[in-house]
Amino acid sequence: MATFENTNKTLHIADATREIAEIQKIINDYKQGRGIDREKVAEIIKRLNSKDVTIALFNSKLNPSWTLIADATDEQIIGNLNLTLLYLSGKMTVEGICDIVKGDKNHTNT
């Protein structure tokens, strides 16, 4: 039987996967010589800033390399997206490992 916790985790994974896919598409489009959709980048960053305090910090004026998207070079935007992608991927990996370890402990206790 599905629990609220399992459903919540599934939705969280699906959401993070969607965010990662959107960021990868922008990066890949840039690598293939297509322009950067700055409005889409701003939308992604705004959405992620509201979801994760760490992402919000490296997208804030507290970050010495912070700049407005409108004033940023393409390379700065791609650098930010690569950092965001690395962070999200790492976070998903750590959460997955924690779930596996937690699951193993629960399994041995039953």
N, C-alpha and C. Protein backbone atom coordinates (compact mmCIF):
# COMPACT_ATOMS: atom_id res chain seq x y z
N MET A 1 0.85 -1.18 0.00
CA MET A 1 0.00 0.00 0.00
C MET A 1 0.89 1.24 0.00
N ALA A 2 0.57 2.17 -0.85
CA ALA A 2 1.34 3.41 -0.94
C ALA A 2 1.03 4.29 0.27
N THR A 3 2.07 4.84 0.83
CA THR A 3 1.90 5.75 1.95
C THR A 3 2.07 7.17 1.48
N PHE A 4 1.63 8.09 2.32
CA PHE A 4 1.82 9.51 2.00
C PHE A 4 3.29 9.81 1.81
N GLU A 5 4.15 9.25 2.67
CA GLU A 5 5.60 9.49 2.58
C GLU A 5 6.16 9.00 1.25
N ASN A 6 5.73 7.80 0.82
CA ASN A 6 6.21 7.27 -0.46
C ASN A 6 5.72 8.11 -1.63
N THR A 7 4.47 8.53 -1.57
CA THR A 7 3.91 9.37 -2.63
C THR A 7 4.64 10.71 -2.68
N ASN A 8 4.91 11.28 -1.52
CA ASN A 8 5.63 12.55 -1.44
C ASN A 8 7.04 12.41 -2.03
N LYS A 9 7.72 11.32 -1.70
CA LYS A 9 9.07 11.08 -2.24
C LYS A 9 9.03 10.94 -3.75
N THR A 10 8.03 10.22 -4.24
CA THR A 10 7.89 10.02 -5.69
C THR A 10 7.67 11.36 -6.39
N LEU A 11 6.82 12.20 -5.83
CA LEU A 11 6.58 13.52 -6.42
C LEU A 11 7.84 14.38 -6.36
N HIS A 12 8.58 14.29 -5.26
CA HIS A 12 9.83 15.05 -5.11
C HIS A 12 10.85 14.62 -6.16
N ILE A 13 10.98 13.32 -6.37
CA ILE A 13 11.91 12.80 -7.37
C ILE A 13 11.49 13.24 -8.77
N ALA A 14 10.21 13.15 -9.06
CA ALA A 14 9.72 13.57 -10.38
C ALA A 14 9.96 15.05 -10.61
N ASP A 15 9.74 15.86 -9.59
CA ASP A 15 9.96 17.31 -9.69
C ASP A 15 11.44 17.62 -9.92
N ALA A 16 12.30 16.99 -9.14
CA ALA A 16 13.75 17.23 -9.29
C ALA A 16 14.22 16.75 -10.66
N THR A 17 13.70 15.64 -11.12
CA THR A 17 14.08 15.11 -12.44
C THR A 17 13.66 16.08 -13.54
N ARG A 18 12.48 16.66 -13.40
CA ARG A 18 12.01 17.65 -14.38
C ARG A 18 12.91 18.88 -14.39
N GLU A 19 13.27 19.36 -13.20
CA GLU A 19 14.15 20.53 -13.10
C GLU A 19 15.49 20.23 -13.77
N ILE A 20 16.05 19.07 -13.48
CA ILE A 20 17.35 18.68 -14.06
C ILE A 20 17.24 18.60 -15.58
N ALA A 21 16.17 18.00 -16.08
CA ALA A 21 15.98 17.87 -17.53
C ALA A 21 15.88 19.24 -18.20
N GLU A 22 15.16 20.17 -17.58
CA GLU A 22 15.03 21.52 -18.15
C GLU A 22 16.39 22.22 -18.21
N ILE A 23 17.16 22.09 -17.15
CA ILE A 23 18.48 22.72 -17.11
C ILE A 23 19.40 22.08 -18.14
N GLN A 24 19.37 20.75 -18.24
CA GLN A 24 20.21 20.06 -19.22
C GLN A 24 19.86 20.47 -20.64
N LYS A 25 18.58 20.67 -20.92
CA LYS A 25 18.16 21.09 -22.26
C LYS A 25 18.74 22.47 -22.60
N ILE A 26 18.67 23.39 -21.66
CA ILE A 26 19.21 24.74 -21.90
C ILE A 26 20.72 24.66 -22.14
N ILE A 27 21.42 23.89 -21.33
CA ILE A 27 22.87 23.74 -21.48
C ILE A 27 23.20 23.08 -22.82
N ASN A 28 22.48 22.02 -23.17
CA ASN A 28 22.73 21.33 -24.45
C ASN A 28 22.43 22.23 -25.64
N ASP A 29 21.34 23.00 -25.56
CA ASP A 29 21.03 23.93 -26.64
C ASP A 29 22.17 24.94 -26.82
N TYR A 30 22.71 25.43 -25.71
CA TYR A 30 23.82 26.38 -25.75
C TYR A 30 25.05 25.74 -26.40
N LYS A 31 25.35 24.51 -26.00
CA LYS A 31 26.52 23.81 -26.56
C LYS A 31 26.37 23.57 -28.06
N GLN A 32 25.13 23.47 -28.52
CA GLN A 32 24.87 23.25 -29.95
C GLN A 32 24.73 24.56 -30.72
N GLY A 33 25.04 25.67 -30.07
CA GLY A 33 25.06 26.96 -30.75
C GLY A 33 23.73 27.68 -30.78
N ARG A 34 22.75 27.15 -30.09
CA ARG A 34 21.47 27.85 -30.00
C ARG A 34 21.56 28.91 -28.90
N GLY A 35 20.74 29.89 -28.97
CA GLY A 35 20.74 30.93 -27.95
C GLY A 35 20.17 30.43 -26.63
N ILE A 36 20.39 31.24 -25.60
CA ILE A 36 19.87 30.93 -24.28
C ILE A 36 18.55 31.67 -24.10
N ASP A 37 17.53 30.94 -23.70
CA ASP A 37 16.23 31.54 -23.40
C ASP A 37 16.32 32.10 -21.98
N ARG A 38 16.69 33.37 -21.88
CA ARG A 38 16.91 33.99 -20.57
C ARG A 38 15.64 34.04 -19.73
N GLU A 39 14.49 34.17 -20.38
CA GLU A 39 13.23 34.16 -19.63
C GLU A 39 13.01 32.79 -18.99
N LYS A 40 13.33 31.74 -19.72
CA LYS A 40 13.20 30.38 -19.19
C LYS A 40 14.18 30.17 -18.04
N VAL A 41 15.40 30.66 -18.21
CA VAL A 41 16.41 30.55 -17.15
C VAL A 41 15.92 31.28 -15.90
N ALA A 42 15.40 32.48 -16.07
CA ALA A 42 14.90 33.26 -14.93
C ALA A 42 13.76 32.53 -14.24
N GLU A 43 12.89 31.92 -15.03
CA GLU A 43 11.76 31.16 -14.47
C GLU A 43 12.27 29.98 -13.64
N ILE A 44 13.24 29.26 -14.17
CA ILE A 44 13.80 28.10 -13.46
C ILE A 44 14.48 28.54 -12.17
N ILE A 45 15.30 29.56 -12.26
CA ILE A 45 16.02 30.03 -11.07
C ILE A 45 15.04 30.54 -10.01
N LYS A 46 14.05 31.28 -10.43
CA LYS A 46 13.05 31.78 -9.47
C LYS A 46 12.34 30.62 -8.79
N ARG A 47 11.96 29.63 -9.58
CA ARG A 47 11.26 28.46 -9.03
C ARG A 47 12.16 27.70 -8.05
N LEU A 48 13.42 27.49 -8.43
CA LEU A 48 14.34 26.75 -7.56
C LEU A 48 14.69 27.55 -6.31
N ASN A 49 14.83 28.86 -6.45
CA ASN A 49 15.12 29.71 -5.28
C ASN A 49 14.05 29.56 -4.22
N SER A 50 12.80 29.42 -4.65
CA SER A 50 11.70 29.30 -3.69
C SER A 50 11.63 27.92 -3.06
N LYS A 51 12.29 26.94 -3.66
CA LYS A 51 12.24 25.56 -3.17
C LYS A 51 13.44 25.18 -2.31
N ASP A 52 14.57 25.83 -2.52
CA ASP A 52 15.80 25.37 -1.88
C ASP A 52 16.65 26.55 -1.43
N VAL A 53 16.92 26.61 -0.14
CA VAL A 53 17.67 27.74 0.42
C VAL A 53 19.10 27.79 -0.10
N THR A 54 19.72 26.66 -0.36
CA THR A 54 21.09 26.65 -0.87
C THR A 54 21.15 27.26 -2.26
N ILE A 55 20.24 26.88 -3.10
CA ILE A 55 20.19 27.46 -4.45
C ILE A 55 19.90 28.95 -4.35
N ALA A 56 19.00 29.32 -3.46
CA ALA A 56 18.68 30.74 -3.27
C ALA A 56 19.92 31.52 -2.84
N LEU A 57 20.77 30.92 -2.02
CA LEU A 57 21.98 31.62 -1.57
C LEU A 57 22.97 31.84 -2.71
N PHE A 58 23.18 30.83 -3.58
CA PHE A 58 24.14 31.11 -4.65
C PHE A 58 23.52 31.88 -5.79
N ASN A 59 22.24 32.20 -5.68
CA ASN A 59 21.59 33.12 -6.63
C ASN A 59 21.22 34.44 -5.96
N SER A 60 21.91 34.75 -4.87
CA SER A 60 21.60 35.98 -4.16
C SER A 60 22.78 36.95 -4.20
N LYS A 61 22.53 38.15 -3.76
CA LYS A 61 23.57 39.18 -3.72
C LYS A 61 24.66 38.82 -2.71
N LEU A 62 24.42 37.82 -1.86
CA LEU A 62 25.45 37.37 -0.92
C LEU A 62 26.57 36.61 -1.63
N ASN A 63 26.30 36.14 -2.83
CA ASN A 63 27.31 35.45 -3.64
C ASN A 63 28.14 36.52 -4.35
N PRO A 64 29.47 36.51 -4.13
CA PRO A 64 30.32 37.55 -4.74
C PRO A 64 30.25 37.61 -6.27
N SER A 65 29.91 36.49 -6.91
CA SER A 65 29.84 36.50 -8.38
C SER A 65 28.42 36.71 -8.91
N TRP A 66 27.51 37.08 -8.01
CA TRP A 66 26.11 37.27 -8.39
C TRP A 66 25.96 38.42 -9.38
N THR A 67 25.08 38.23 -10.33
CA THR A 67 24.74 39.28 -11.28
C THR A 67 23.33 39.03 -11.80
N LEU A 68 22.65 40.06 -12.23
CA LEU A 68 21.32 39.91 -12.81
C LEU A 68 21.41 39.08 -14.08
N ILE A 69 20.41 38.31 -14.35
CA ILE A 69 20.39 37.50 -15.59
C ILE A 69 20.50 38.41 -16.80
N ALA A 70 19.82 39.54 -16.76
CA ALA A 70 19.86 40.47 -17.90
C ALA A 70 21.26 41.00 -18.16
N ASP A 71 22.08 41.09 -17.11
CA ASP A 71 23.44 41.62 -17.25
C ASP A 71 24.50 40.53 -17.39
N ALA A 72 24.11 39.27 -17.18
CA ALA A 72 25.07 38.17 -17.19
C ALA A 72 25.44 37.79 -18.62
N THR A 73 26.66 37.33 -18.79
CA THR A 73 27.07 36.78 -20.08
C THR A 73 26.47 35.38 -20.21
N ASP A 74 26.45 34.88 -21.42
CA ASP A 74 25.98 33.50 -21.63
C ASP A 74 26.81 32.52 -20.80
N GLU A 75 28.10 32.76 -20.73
CA GLU A 75 28.99 31.86 -19.98
C GLU A 75 28.66 31.88 -18.48
N GLN A 76 28.32 33.06 -17.95
CA GLN A 76 27.94 33.15 -16.54
C GLN A 76 26.64 32.39 -16.28
N ILE A 77 25.70 32.51 -17.19
CA ILE A 77 24.42 31.81 -17.04
C ILE A 77 24.64 30.30 -17.09
N ILE A 78 25.41 29.85 -18.06
CA ILE A 78 25.69 28.41 -18.18
C ILE A 78 26.46 27.92 -16.96
N GLY A 79 27.38 28.72 -16.46
CA GLY A 79 28.11 28.35 -15.24
C GLY A 79 27.17 28.19 -14.06
N ASN A 80 26.22 29.11 -13.92
CA ASN A 80 25.24 29.01 -12.84
C ASN A 80 24.37 27.77 -13.03
N LEU A 81 23.94 27.51 -14.26
CA LEU A 81 23.11 26.34 -14.50
C LEU A 81 23.88 25.05 -14.25
N ASN A 82 25.16 25.02 -14.62
CA ASN A 82 25.98 23.83 -14.35
C ASN A 82 26.12 23.61 -12.84
N LEU A 83 26.33 24.68 -12.09
CA LEU A 83 26.43 24.58 -10.64
C LEU A 83 25.11 24.09 -10.05
N THR A 84 24.02 24.63 -10.54
CA THR A 84 22.69 24.22 -10.08
C THR A 84 22.45 22.75 -10.40
N LEU A 85 22.82 22.34 -11.60
CA LEU A 85 22.66 20.96 -12.03
C LEU A 85 23.49 20.02 -11.15
N LEU A 86 24.71 20.39 -10.89
CA LEU A 86 25.58 19.59 -10.04
C LEU A 86 24.99 19.46 -8.64
N TYR A 87 24.51 20.57 -8.09
CA TYR A 87 23.91 20.56 -6.76
C TYR A 87 22.67 19.66 -6.71
N LEU A 88 21.76 19.83 -7.67
CA LEU A 88 20.53 19.04 -7.67
C LEU A 88 20.83 17.55 -7.85
N SER A 89 21.75 17.22 -8.73
CA SER A 89 22.11 15.82 -8.95
C SER A 89 22.74 15.21 -7.70
N GLY A 90 23.63 15.97 -7.07
CA GLY A 90 24.25 15.50 -5.84
C GLY A 90 23.24 15.31 -4.73
N LYS A 91 22.32 16.24 -4.62
CA LYS A 91 21.29 16.17 -3.59
C LYS A 91 20.41 14.93 -3.79
N MET A 92 20.04 14.67 -5.03
CA MET A 92 19.24 13.48 -5.32
C MET A 92 20.02 12.21 -4.99
N THR A 93 21.31 12.20 -5.28
CA THR A 93 22.13 11.03 -4.99
C THR A 93 22.21 10.79 -3.49
N VAL A 94 22.47 11.83 -2.73
CA VAL A 94 22.56 11.71 -1.27
C VAL A 94 21.23 11.25 -0.69
N GLU A 95 20.14 11.84 -1.15
CA GLU A 95 18.81 11.44 -0.65
C GLU A 95 18.53 9.98 -0.99
N GLY A 96 18.92 9.57 -2.18
CA GLY A 96 18.73 8.17 -2.58
C GLY A 96 19.52 7.22 -1.72
N ILE A 97 20.77 7.56 -1.45
CA ILE A 97 21.61 6.71 -0.59
C ILE A 97 21.01 6.64 0.81
N CYS A 98 20.55 7.77 1.34
CA CYS A 98 19.93 7.78 2.67
C CYS A 98 18.69 6.89 2.70
N ASP A 99 17.88 6.94 1.64
CA ASP A 99 16.69 6.09 1.58
C ASP A 99 17.07 4.61 1.55
N ILE A 100 18.12 4.28 0.81
CA ILE A 100 18.57 2.89 0.74
C ILE A 100 19.05 2.41 2.10
N VAL A 101 19.88 3.22 2.75
CA VAL A 101 20.40 2.86 4.07
C VAL A 101 19.25 2.75 5.07
N LYS A 102 18.37 3.70 5.06
CA LYS A 102 17.22 3.69 5.96
C LYS A 102 16.36 2.47 5.69
N GLY A 103 16.15 2.15 4.43
CA GLY A 103 15.35 0.98 4.06
C GLY A 103 15.99 -0.30 4.54
N ASP A 104 17.32 -0.41 4.41
CA ASP A 104 18.01 -1.61 4.88
C ASP A 104 17.86 -1.75 6.38
N LYS A 105 17.97 -0.68 7.11
CA LYS A 105 17.81 -0.74 8.57
C LYS A 105 16.41 -1.16 8.93
N ASN A 106 15.42 -0.62 8.23
CA ASN A 106 14.04 -0.99 8.51
C ASN A 106 13.79 -2.45 8.18
N HIS A 107 14.41 -2.94 7.11
CA HIS A 107 14.21 -4.32 6.69
C HIS A 107 14.78 -5.29 7.72
N THR A 108 15.94 -4.99 8.29
CA THR A 108 16.57 -5.90 9.24
C THR A 108 15.85 -5.87 10.58
N ASN A 109 15.09 -4.84 10.88
CA ASN A 109 14.36 -4.75 12.14
C ASN A 109 13.03 -5.45 12.11
N THR A 110 12.58 -5.88 10.93
CA THR A 110 11.25 -6.52 10.85
C THR A 110 11.34 -8.00 10.90
